[in-house]
């Protein structure tokens, strides 16, 4: 049977191609940048390669406690390397996703899944961030690795004294949003009535469209529990600057 000049088989094939294209668009896609052999493990997310390059694993935060887990996954292995965006940081270090041997799972995914790393605040791609965040939630729920230690649990937004002590560090903060206000070029997500003292999340107004497109319209945070990740700053009160939608998750 023909439909608009196309046979049933042709229509089925076209539908399959469209589905594959949609799936590819929603998948984490990386660009290959070669390979390297690991000769040393510097810390929980840094490797030395045989050709002299220093490799920082992209998209994760991992403390010194994670070094042994990374060594077990990578030491002595030849890695396939792939990037999202820039492949070097300001210190000249290679920044990439890394895959051991022929595995489809990155070292990042493995470390997060085992509970030895947290998703960073800047992944660079929403699909890639979504995959990592899913693995992190599972590890946190099962209290694997770092999550077995209460010190790595998300901080309570109302615990301002603890937040002040964590200034300058990468954190996860969780709490109920009291209000969302705009002032000049900034959107303020407030967790307390004393805005100058309580914890807040800032979002640049110029990025509102990208947050909306990701289903994270700031105004809808009011009255909801959210979890935010990033480096904690101390201004008049403790603040995390959110510049990517994947830094914020609904926690209720």
C-alpha atoms as a PDB file:
ATOM      1  CA  UNK A   1       0.000   0.000   0.000  1.00  0.00           C
ATOM      2  CA  UNK A   2       1.211   3.505  -0.832  1.00  0.00           C
ATOM      3  CA  UNK A   3       0.929   6.504   1.501  1.00  0.00           C
ATOM      4  CA  UNK A   4       1.614   9.829  -0.177  1.00  0.00           C
ATOM      5  CA  UNK A   5       3.893   8.146  -2.713  1.00  0.00           C
ATOM      6  CA  UNK A   6       5.760   6.051  -0.109  1.00  0.00           C
ATOM      7  CA  UNK A   7       5.300   2.345   0.516  1.00  0.00           C
ATOM      8  CA  UNK A   8       4.596   0.969   3.985  1.00  0.00           C
ATOM      9  CA  UNK A   9       8.193  -0.352   4.085  1.00  0.00           C
ATOM     10  CA  UNK A  10       9.642   3.015   3.110  1.00  0.00           C
ATOM     11  CA  UNK A  11       7.569   4.749   5.789  1.00  0.00           C
ATOM     12  CA  UNK A  12       8.795   2.252   8.396  1.00  0.00           C
ATOM     13  CA  UNK A  13      12.379   2.854   7.330  1.00  0.00           C
ATOM     14  CA  UNK A  14      11.909   6.620   7.503  1.00  0.00           C
ATOM     15  CA  UNK A  15      10.384   6.321  10.977  1.00  0.00           C
ATOM     16  CA  UNK A  16      13.360   4.249  12.113  1.00  0.00           C
ATOM     17  CA  UNK A  17      15.833   6.806  10.790  1.00  0.00           C
ATOM     18  CA  UNK A  18      13.950   9.603  12.547  1.00  0.00           C
ATOM     19  CA  UNK A  19      13.943   7.628  15.805  1.00  0.00           C
ATOM     20  CA  UNK A  20      17.664   6.942  15.506  1.00  0.00           C
ATOM     21  CA  UNK A  21      18.357  10.625  14.826  1.00  0.00           C
ATOM     22  CA  UNK A  22      16.294  11.661  17.845  1.00  0.00           C
ATOM     23  CA  UNK A  23      18.099   9.144  20.033  1.00  0.00           C
ATOM     24  CA  UNK A  24      21.481  10.353  18.811  1.00  0.00           C
ATOM     25  CA  UNK A  25      20.502  13.953  19.490  1.00  0.00           C
ATOM     26  CA  UNK A  26      19.612  13.032  23.062  1.00  0.00           C
ATOM     27  CA  UNK A  27      22.708  10.909  23.662  1.00  0.00           C
ATOM     28  CA  UNK A  28      26.040  11.892  25.158  1.00  0.00           C
ATOM     29  CA  UNK A  29      28.281  12.391  22.126  1.00  0.00           C
ATOM     30  CA  UNK A  30      32.028  12.865  22.556  1.00  0.00           C
ATOM     31  CA  UNK A  31      34.820  13.691  20.117  1.00  0.00           C
ATOM     32  CA  UNK A  32      37.771  11.301  20.018  1.00  0.00           C
ATOM     33  CA  UNK A  33      41.170  12.902  20.766  1.00  0.00           C
ATOM     34  CA  UNK A  34      43.462   9.887  20.660  1.00  0.00           C
ATOM     35  CA  UNK A  35      44.853   7.686  23.402  1.00  0.00           C
ATOM     36  CA  UNK A  36      47.449   7.459  26.142  1.00  0.00           C
ATOM     37  CA  UNK A  37      48.955   4.994  28.603  1.00  0.00           C
ATOM     38  CA  UNK A  38      48.736   5.678  32.324  1.00  0.00           C
ATOM     39  CA  UNK A  39      52.039   5.559  34.240  1.00  0.00           C
ATOM     40  CA  UNK A  40      50.972   7.230  37.495  1.00  0.00           C
ATOM     41  CA  UNK A  41      47.920   8.332  39.458  1.00  0.00           C
ATOM     42  CA  UNK A  42      48.346  11.825  40.917  1.00  0.00           C
ATOM     43  CA  UNK A  43      45.087  12.131  42.874  1.00  0.00           C
ATOM     44  CA  UNK A  44      41.430  11.165  42.705  1.00  0.00           C
ATOM     45  CA  UNK A  45      40.958  12.559  39.190  1.00  0.00           C
ATOM     46  CA  UNK A  46      44.444  13.208  37.759  1.00  0.00           C
ATOM     47  CA  UNK A  47      46.608  10.789  35.763  1.00  0.00           C
ATOM     48  CA  UNK A  48      50.095  10.996  34.244  1.00  0.00           C
ATOM     49  CA  UNK A  49      50.448   9.576  30.744  1.00  0.00           C
ATOM     50  CA  UNK A  50      53.533   7.941  29.253  1.00  0.00           C
ATOM     51  CA  UNK A  51      53.961  10.750  26.702  1.00  0.00           C
ATOM     52  CA  UNK A  52      54.310  13.337  29.506  1.00  0.00           C
ATOM     53  CA  UNK A  53      50.787  14.720  29.430  1.00  0.00           C
ATOM     54  CA  UNK A  54      48.834  15.268  32.629  1.00  0.00           C
ATOM     55  CA  UNK A  55      45.214  14.165  32.292  1.00  0.00           C
ATOM     56  CA  UNK A  56      42.417  15.631  34.410  1.00  0.00           C
ATOM     57  CA  UNK A  57      39.224  13.598  34.176  1.00  0.00           C
ATOM     58  CA  UNK A  58      36.480  15.905  32.916  1.00  0.00           C
ATOM     59  CA  UNK A  59      33.064  16.431  34.524  1.00  0.00           C
ATOM     60  CA  UNK A  60      33.823  15.062  37.999  1.00  0.00           C
ATOM     61  CA  UNK A  61      35.032  16.173  41.420  1.00  0.00           C
ATOM     62  CA  UNK A  62      36.948  13.560  43.404  1.00  0.00           C
ATOM     63  CA  UNK A  63      38.915  13.941  46.647  1.00  0.00           C
ATOM     64  CA  UNK A  64      42.220  12.318  47.577  1.00  0.00           C
ATOM     65  CA  UNK A  65      40.237   9.442  49.146  1.00  0.00           C
ATOM     66  CA  UNK A  66      39.306   8.372  45.600  1.00  0.00           C
ATOM     67  CA  UNK A  67      42.889   7.863  44.447  1.00  0.00           C
ATOM     68  CA  UNK A  68      42.981   4.111  45.157  1.00  0.00           C
ATOM     69  CA  UNK A  69      39.713   3.553  43.273  1.00  0.00           C
ATOM     70  CA  UNK A  70      41.048   5.447  40.246  1.00  0.00           C
ATOM     71  CA  UNK A  71      44.326   3.509  40.373  1.00  0.00           C
ATOM     72  CA  UNK A  72      42.427   0.214  40.333  1.00  0.00           C
ATOM     73  CA  UNK A  73      40.556   1.323  37.207  1.00  0.00           C
ATOM     74  CA  UNK A  74      43.337   3.037  35.278  1.00  0.00           C
ATOM     75  CA  UNK A  75      46.925   2.468  36.469  1.00  0.00           C
ATOM     76  CA  UNK A  76      48.998   0.893  33.693  1.00  0.00           C
ATOM     77  CA  UNK A  77      46.084   0.893  31.247  1.00  0.00           C
ATOM     78  CA  UNK A  78      45.969   2.365  27.767  1.00  0.00           C
ATOM     79  CA  UNK A  79      43.057   4.776  27.598  1.00  0.00           C
ATOM     80  CA  UNK A  80      40.934   6.041  24.765  1.00  0.00           C
ATOM     81  CA  UNK A  81      40.354   9.766  25.216  1.00  0.00           C
ATOM     82  CA  UNK A  82      37.395  11.917  24.154  1.00  0.00           C
ATOM     83  CA  UNK A  83      36.372  15.497  24.802  1.00  0.00           C
ATOM     84  CA  UNK A  84      33.455  17.844  25.249  1.00  0.00           C
ATOM     85  CA  UNK A  85      34.456  21.375  24.272  1.00  0.00           C
ATOM     86  CA  UNK A  86      37.982  22.542  25.169  1.00  0.00           C
ATOM     87  CA  UNK A  87      40.475  19.740  25.766  1.00  0.00           C
ATOM     88  CA  UNK A  88      42.937  21.709  27.929  1.00  0.00           C
ATOM     89  CA  UNK A  89      42.490  23.791  31.072  1.00  0.00           C
ATOM     90  CA  UNK A  90      44.225  27.068  31.921  1.00  0.00           C
ATOM     91  CA  UNK A  91      47.144  25.140  33.427  1.00  0.00           C
ATOM     92  CA  UNK A  92      47.791  23.290  30.176  1.00  0.00           C
ATOM     93  CA  UNK A  93      46.472  19.973  31.464  1.00  0.00           C
ATOM     94  CA  UNK A  94      44.570  17.659  29.139  1.00  0.00           C
ATOM     95  CA  UNK A  95      40.893  17.487  30.153  1.00  0.00           C
ATOM     96  CA  UNK A  96      38.949  14.539  28.767  1.00  0.00           C
ATOM     97  CA  UNK A  97      36.682  11.580  29.265  1.00  0.00           C
ATOM     98  CA  UNK A  98      38.732   8.371  29.414  1.00  0.00           C
ATOM     99  CA  UNK A  99      37.845   4.776  28.533  1.00  0.00           C
ATOM    100  CA  UNK A 100      39.963   1.765  29.467  1.00  0.00           C
ATOM    101  CA  UNK A 101      40.587  -0.852  26.749  1.00  0.00           C
ATOM    102  CA  UNK A 102      37.386  -1.551  24.793  1.00  0.00           C
ATOM    103  CA  UNK A 103      34.929  -0.637  27.561  1.00  0.00           C
ATOM    104  CA  UNK A 104      31.963   1.565  26.722  1.00  0.00           C
ATOM    105  CA  UNK A 105      31.886   2.977  30.252  1.00  0.00           C
ATOM    106  CA  UNK A 106      34.124   5.952  30.979  1.00  0.00           C
ATOM    107  CA  UNK A 107      36.345   6.133  34.031  1.00  0.00           C
ATOM    108  CA  UNK A 108      34.101   8.997  35.132  1.00  0.00           C
ATOM    109  CA  UNK A 109      30.980   6.839  34.962  1.00  0.00           C
ATOM    110  CA  UNK A 110      32.729   4.020  36.821  1.00  0.00           C
ATOM    111  CA  UNK A 111      34.025   6.259  39.614  1.00  0.00           C
ATOM    112  CA  UNK A 112      30.649   7.929  40.068  1.00  0.00           C
ATOM    113  CA  UNK A 113      28.805   4.607  39.969  1.00  0.00           C
ATOM    114  CA  UNK A 114      31.106   3.197  42.667  1.00  0.00           C
ATOM    115  CA  UNK A 115      30.565   6.321  44.762  1.00  0.00           C
ATOM    116  CA  UNK A 116      34.129   7.662  44.480  1.00  0.00           C
ATOM    117  CA  UNK A 117      33.344  10.841  42.548  1.00  0.00           C
ATOM    118  CA  UNK A 118      30.639  13.476  42.277  1.00  0.00           C
ATOM    119  CA  UNK A 119      29.377  15.148  39.120  1.00  0.00           C
ATOM    120  CA  UNK A 120      31.021  18.551  38.706  1.00  0.00           C
ATOM    121  CA  UNK A 121      29.170  21.811  38.199  1.00  0.00           C
ATOM    122  CA  UNK A 122      30.245  22.167  34.549  1.00  0.00           C
ATOM    123  CA  UNK A 123      29.872  19.056  32.417  1.00  0.00           C
ATOM    124  CA  UNK A 124      29.305  20.855  29.112  1.00  0.00           C
ATOM    125  CA  UNK A 125      26.420  18.813  27.727  1.00  0.00           C
ATOM    126  CA  UNK A 126      23.005  18.108  29.255  1.00  0.00           C
ATOM    127  CA  UNK A 127      22.803  14.523  27.957  1.00  0.00           C
ATOM    128  CA  UNK A 128      26.250  13.653  29.319  1.00  0.00           C
ATOM    129  CA  UNK A 129      25.396  15.371  32.605  1.00  0.00           C
ATOM    130  CA  UNK A 130      22.120  13.432  32.831  1.00  0.00           C
ATOM    131  CA  UNK A 131      23.903  10.080  32.480  1.00  0.00           C
ATOM    132  CA  UNK A 132      26.394  10.981  35.219  1.00  0.00           C
ATOM    133  CA  UNK A 133      23.738  12.406  37.558  1.00  0.00           C
ATOM    134  CA  UNK A 134      21.695   9.210  37.248  1.00  0.00           C
ATOM    135  CA  UNK A 135      24.734   7.167  38.285  1.00  0.00           C
ATOM    136  CA  UNK A 136      25.447   9.557  41.162  1.00  0.00           C
ATOM    137  CA  UNK A 137      21.892   9.320  42.521  1.00  0.00           C
ATOM    138  CA  UNK A 138      22.102   5.521  42.510  1.00  0.00           C
ATOM    139  CA  UNK A 139      25.461   5.524  44.322  1.00  0.00           C
ATOM    140  CA  UNK A 140      24.259   8.070  46.877  1.00  0.00           C
ATOM    141  CA  UNK A 141      21.069   6.101  47.533  1.00  0.00           C
ATOM    142  CA  UNK A 142      23.091   2.904  48.083  1.00  0.00           C
ATOM    143  CA  UNK A 143      25.670   4.777  50.233  1.00  0.00           C
ATOM    144  CA  UNK A 144      28.553   3.476  48.147  1.00  0.00           C
ATOM    145  CA  UNK A 145      32.093   4.817  48.420  1.00  0.00           C
ATOM    146  CA  UNK A 146      32.229   8.419  49.618  1.00  0.00           C
ATOM    147  CA  UNK A 147      28.496   8.440  50.290  1.00  0.00           C
ATOM    148  CA  UNK A 148      28.995   6.095  53.251  1.00  0.00           C
ATOM    149  CA  UNK A 149      30.720   9.010  55.015  1.00  0.00           C
ATOM    150  CA  UNK A 150      28.238  11.635  56.306  1.00  0.00           C
ATOM    151  CA  UNK A 151      30.753  14.398  55.554  1.00  0.00           C
ATOM    152  CA  UNK A 152      30.009  13.977  51.840  1.00  0.00           C
ATOM    153  CA  UNK A 153      26.216  14.103  52.228  1.00  0.00           C
ATOM    154  CA  UNK A 154      24.445  17.143  50.727  1.00  0.00           C
ATOM    155  CA  UNK A 155      24.631  20.101  53.110  1.00  0.00           C
ATOM    156  CA  UNK A 156      21.446  21.540  54.586  1.00  0.00           C
ATOM    157  CA  UNK A 157      20.680  24.981  53.148  1.00  0.00           C
ATOM    158  CA  UNK A 158      19.603  26.251  56.571  1.00  0.00           C
ATOM    159  CA  UNK A 159      22.924  25.276  58.215  1.00  0.00           C
ATOM    160  CA  UNK A 160      24.649  28.590  57.451  1.00  0.00           C
ATOM    161  CA  UNK A 161      27.495  28.031  59.935  1.00  0.00           C
ATOM    162  CA  UNK A 162      28.492  24.802  58.152  1.00  0.00           C
ATOM    163  CA  UNK A 163      28.140  26.503  54.786  1.00  0.00           C
ATOM    164  CA  UNK A 164      30.452  29.318  55.870  1.00  0.00           C
ATOM    165  CA  UNK A 165      33.044  26.718  56.866  1.00  0.00           C
ATOM    166  CA  UNK A 166      32.860  25.172  53.376  1.00  0.00           C
ATOM    167  CA  UNK A 167      33.507  28.455  51.535  1.00  0.00           C
ATOM    168  CA  UNK A 168      35.712  27.893  48.479  1.00  0.00           C
ATOM    169  CA  UNK A 169      34.946  24.162  48.305  1.00  0.00           C
ATOM    170  CA  UNK A 170      32.822  22.143  45.905  1.00  0.00           C
ATOM    171  CA  UNK A 171      29.533  21.292  47.622  1.00  0.00           C
ATOM    172  CA  UNK A 172      26.068  19.847  47.201  1.00  0.00           C
ATOM    173  CA  UNK A 173      23.467  21.892  49.076  1.00  0.00           C
ATOM    174  CA  UNK A 174      19.860  20.840  49.552  1.00  0.00           C
ATOM    175  CA  UNK A 175      16.858  22.688  50.944  1.00  0.00           C
ATOM    176  CA  UNK A 176      13.444  24.244  50.344  1.00  0.00           C
ATOM    177  CA  UNK A 177      13.298  27.404  48.256  1.00  0.00           C
ATOM    178  CA  UNK A 178      11.491  30.248  49.975  1.00  0.00           C
ATOM    179  CA  UNK A 179      11.446  32.764  47.131  1.00  0.00           C
ATOM    180  CA  UNK A 180      12.841  33.670  43.722  1.00  0.00           C
ATOM    181  CA  UNK A 181      13.660  37.321  43.055  1.00  0.00           C
ATOM    182  CA  UNK A 182      15.294  39.283  40.252  1.00  0.00           C
ATOM    183  CA  UNK A 183      17.654  42.205  40.696  1.00  0.00           C
ATOM    184  CA  UNK A 184      19.483  43.734  37.765  1.00  0.00           C
ATOM    185  CA  UNK A 185      21.199  41.024  35.729  1.00  0.00           C
ATOM    186  CA  UNK A 186      20.769  38.321  38.370  1.00  0.00           C
ATOM    187  CA  UNK A 187      18.049  35.903  39.490  1.00  0.00           C
ATOM    188  CA  UNK A 188      18.276  35.046  43.197  1.00  0.00           C
ATOM    189  CA  UNK A 189      16.928  31.728  44.485  1.00  0.00           C
ATOM    190  CA  UNK A 190      16.546  32.302  48.228  1.00  0.00           C
ATOM    191  CA  UNK A 191      16.399  29.643  50.941  1.00  0.00           C
ATOM    192  CA  UNK A 192      15.772  31.968  53.905  1.00  0.00           C
ATOM    193  CA  UNK A 193      14.014  35.196  54.838  1.00  0.00           C
ATOM    194  CA  UNK A 194      17.218  37.029  55.717  1.00  0.00           C
ATOM    195  CA  UNK A 195      18.502  37.266  52.154  1.00  0.00           C
ATOM    196  CA  UNK A 196      21.753  38.950  53.171  1.00  0.00           C
ATOM    197  CA  UNK A 197      22.629  36.084  55.545  1.00  0.00           C
ATOM    198  CA  UNK A 198      20.834  32.990  54.242  1.00  0.00           C
ATOM    199  CA  UNK A 199      22.003  30.631  51.516  1.00  0.00           C
ATOM    200  CA  UNK A 200      21.140  31.649  47.936  1.00  0.00           C
ATOM    201  CA  UNK A 201      21.697  30.414  44.411  1.00  0.00           C
ATOM    202  CA  UNK A 202      22.377  32.990  41.702  1.00  0.00           C
ATOM    203  CA  UNK A 203      21.459  32.527  38.026  1.00  0.00           C
ATOM    204  CA  UNK A 204      22.431  35.103  35.368  1.00  0.00           C
ATOM    205  CA  UNK A 205      19.283  36.450  33.703  1.00  0.00           C
ATOM    206  CA  UNK A 206      20.955  36.069  30.303  1.00  0.00           C
ATOM    207  CA  UNK A 207      20.894  32.280  30.858  1.00  0.00           C
ATOM    208  CA  UNK A 208      17.195  32.077  31.714  1.00  0.00           C
ATOM    209  CA  UNK A 209      16.309  30.705  28.274  1.00  0.00           C
ATOM    210  CA  UNK A 210      18.691  27.762  28.623  1.00  0.00           C
ATOM    211  CA  UNK A 211      17.305  26.975  32.093  1.00  0.00           C
ATOM    212  CA  UNK A 212      13.744  27.164  30.753  1.00  0.00           C
ATOM    213  CA  UNK A 213      14.605  24.867  27.836  1.00  0.00           C
ATOM    214  CA  UNK A 214      15.932  22.306  30.311  1.00  0.00           C
ATOM    215  CA  UNK A 215      12.709  22.400  32.354  1.00  0.00           C
ATOM    216  CA  UNK A 216      14.352  24.474  35.082  1.00  0.00           C
ATOM    217  CA  UNK A 217      12.415  27.750  34.920  1.00  0.00           C
ATOM    218  CA  UNK A 218      13.667  29.502  38.088  1.00  0.00           C
ATOM    219  CA  UNK A 219      10.247  30.699  39.277  1.00  0.00           C
ATOM    220  CA  UNK A 220       9.042  27.097  39.598  1.00  0.00           C
ATOM    221  CA  UNK A 221      11.647  26.490  42.314  1.00  0.00           C
ATOM    222  CA  UNK A 222       9.525  28.390  44.858  1.00  0.00           C
ATOM    223  CA  UNK A 223       8.207  26.035  47.531  1.00  0.00           C
ATOM    224  CA  UNK A 224      10.199  23.091  46.152  1.00  0.00           C
ATOM    225  CA  UNK A 225      13.172  21.241  47.591  1.00  0.00           C
ATOM    226  CA  UNK A 226      16.133  21.438  45.252  1.00  0.00           C
ATOM    227  CA  UNK A 227      19.719  20.227  45.289  1.00  0.00           C
ATOM    228  CA  UNK A 228      22.406  22.478  43.834  1.00  0.00           C
ATOM    229  CA  UNK A 229      26.079  21.743  43.143  1.00  0.00           C
ATOM    230  CA  UNK A 230      28.979  24.101  42.679  1.00  0.00           C
ATOM    231  CA  UNK A 231      31.716  26.001  44.476  1.00  0.00           C
ATOM    232  CA  UNK A 232      30.520  27.830  47.546  1.00  0.00           C
ATOM    233  CA  UNK A 233      31.224  31.563  47.743  1.00  0.00           C
ATOM    234  CA  UNK A 234      30.859  33.817  50.741  1.00  0.00           C
ATOM    235  CA  UNK A 235      29.411  37.212  49.905  1.00  0.00           C
ATOM    236  CA  UNK A 236      26.988  38.787  52.352  1.00  0.00           C
ATOM    237  CA  UNK A 237      25.789  35.199  52.794  1.00  0.00           C
ATOM    238  CA  UNK A 238      26.769  31.807  51.318  1.00  0.00           C
ATOM    239  CA  UNK A 239      26.095  31.557  47.570  1.00  0.00           C
ATOM    240  CA  UNK A 240      26.470  29.026  44.761  1.00  0.00           C
ATOM    241  CA  UNK A 241      26.513  30.504  41.258  1.00  0.00           C
ATOM    242  CA  UNK A 242      24.534  28.323  38.830  1.00  0.00           C
ATOM    243  CA  UNK A 243      25.452  28.801  35.174  1.00  0.00           C
ATOM    244  CA  UNK A 244      24.210  25.456  33.831  1.00  0.00           C
ATOM    245  CA  UNK A 245      20.786  23.818  34.352  1.00  0.00           C
ATOM    246  CA  UNK A 246      22.386  20.516  35.354  1.00  0.00           C
ATOM    247  CA  UNK A 247      23.712  22.168  38.514  1.00  0.00           C
ATOM    248  CA  UNK A 248      20.182  22.044  39.944  1.00  0.00           C
ATOM    249  CA  UNK A 249      17.996  18.994  40.628  1.00  0.00           C
ATOM    250  CA  UNK A 250      14.584  18.672  42.219  1.00  0.00           C
ATOM    251  CA  UNK A 251      14.974  16.810  45.522  1.00  0.00           C
ATOM    252  CA  UNK A 252      11.301  16.440  46.505  1.00  0.00           C
END
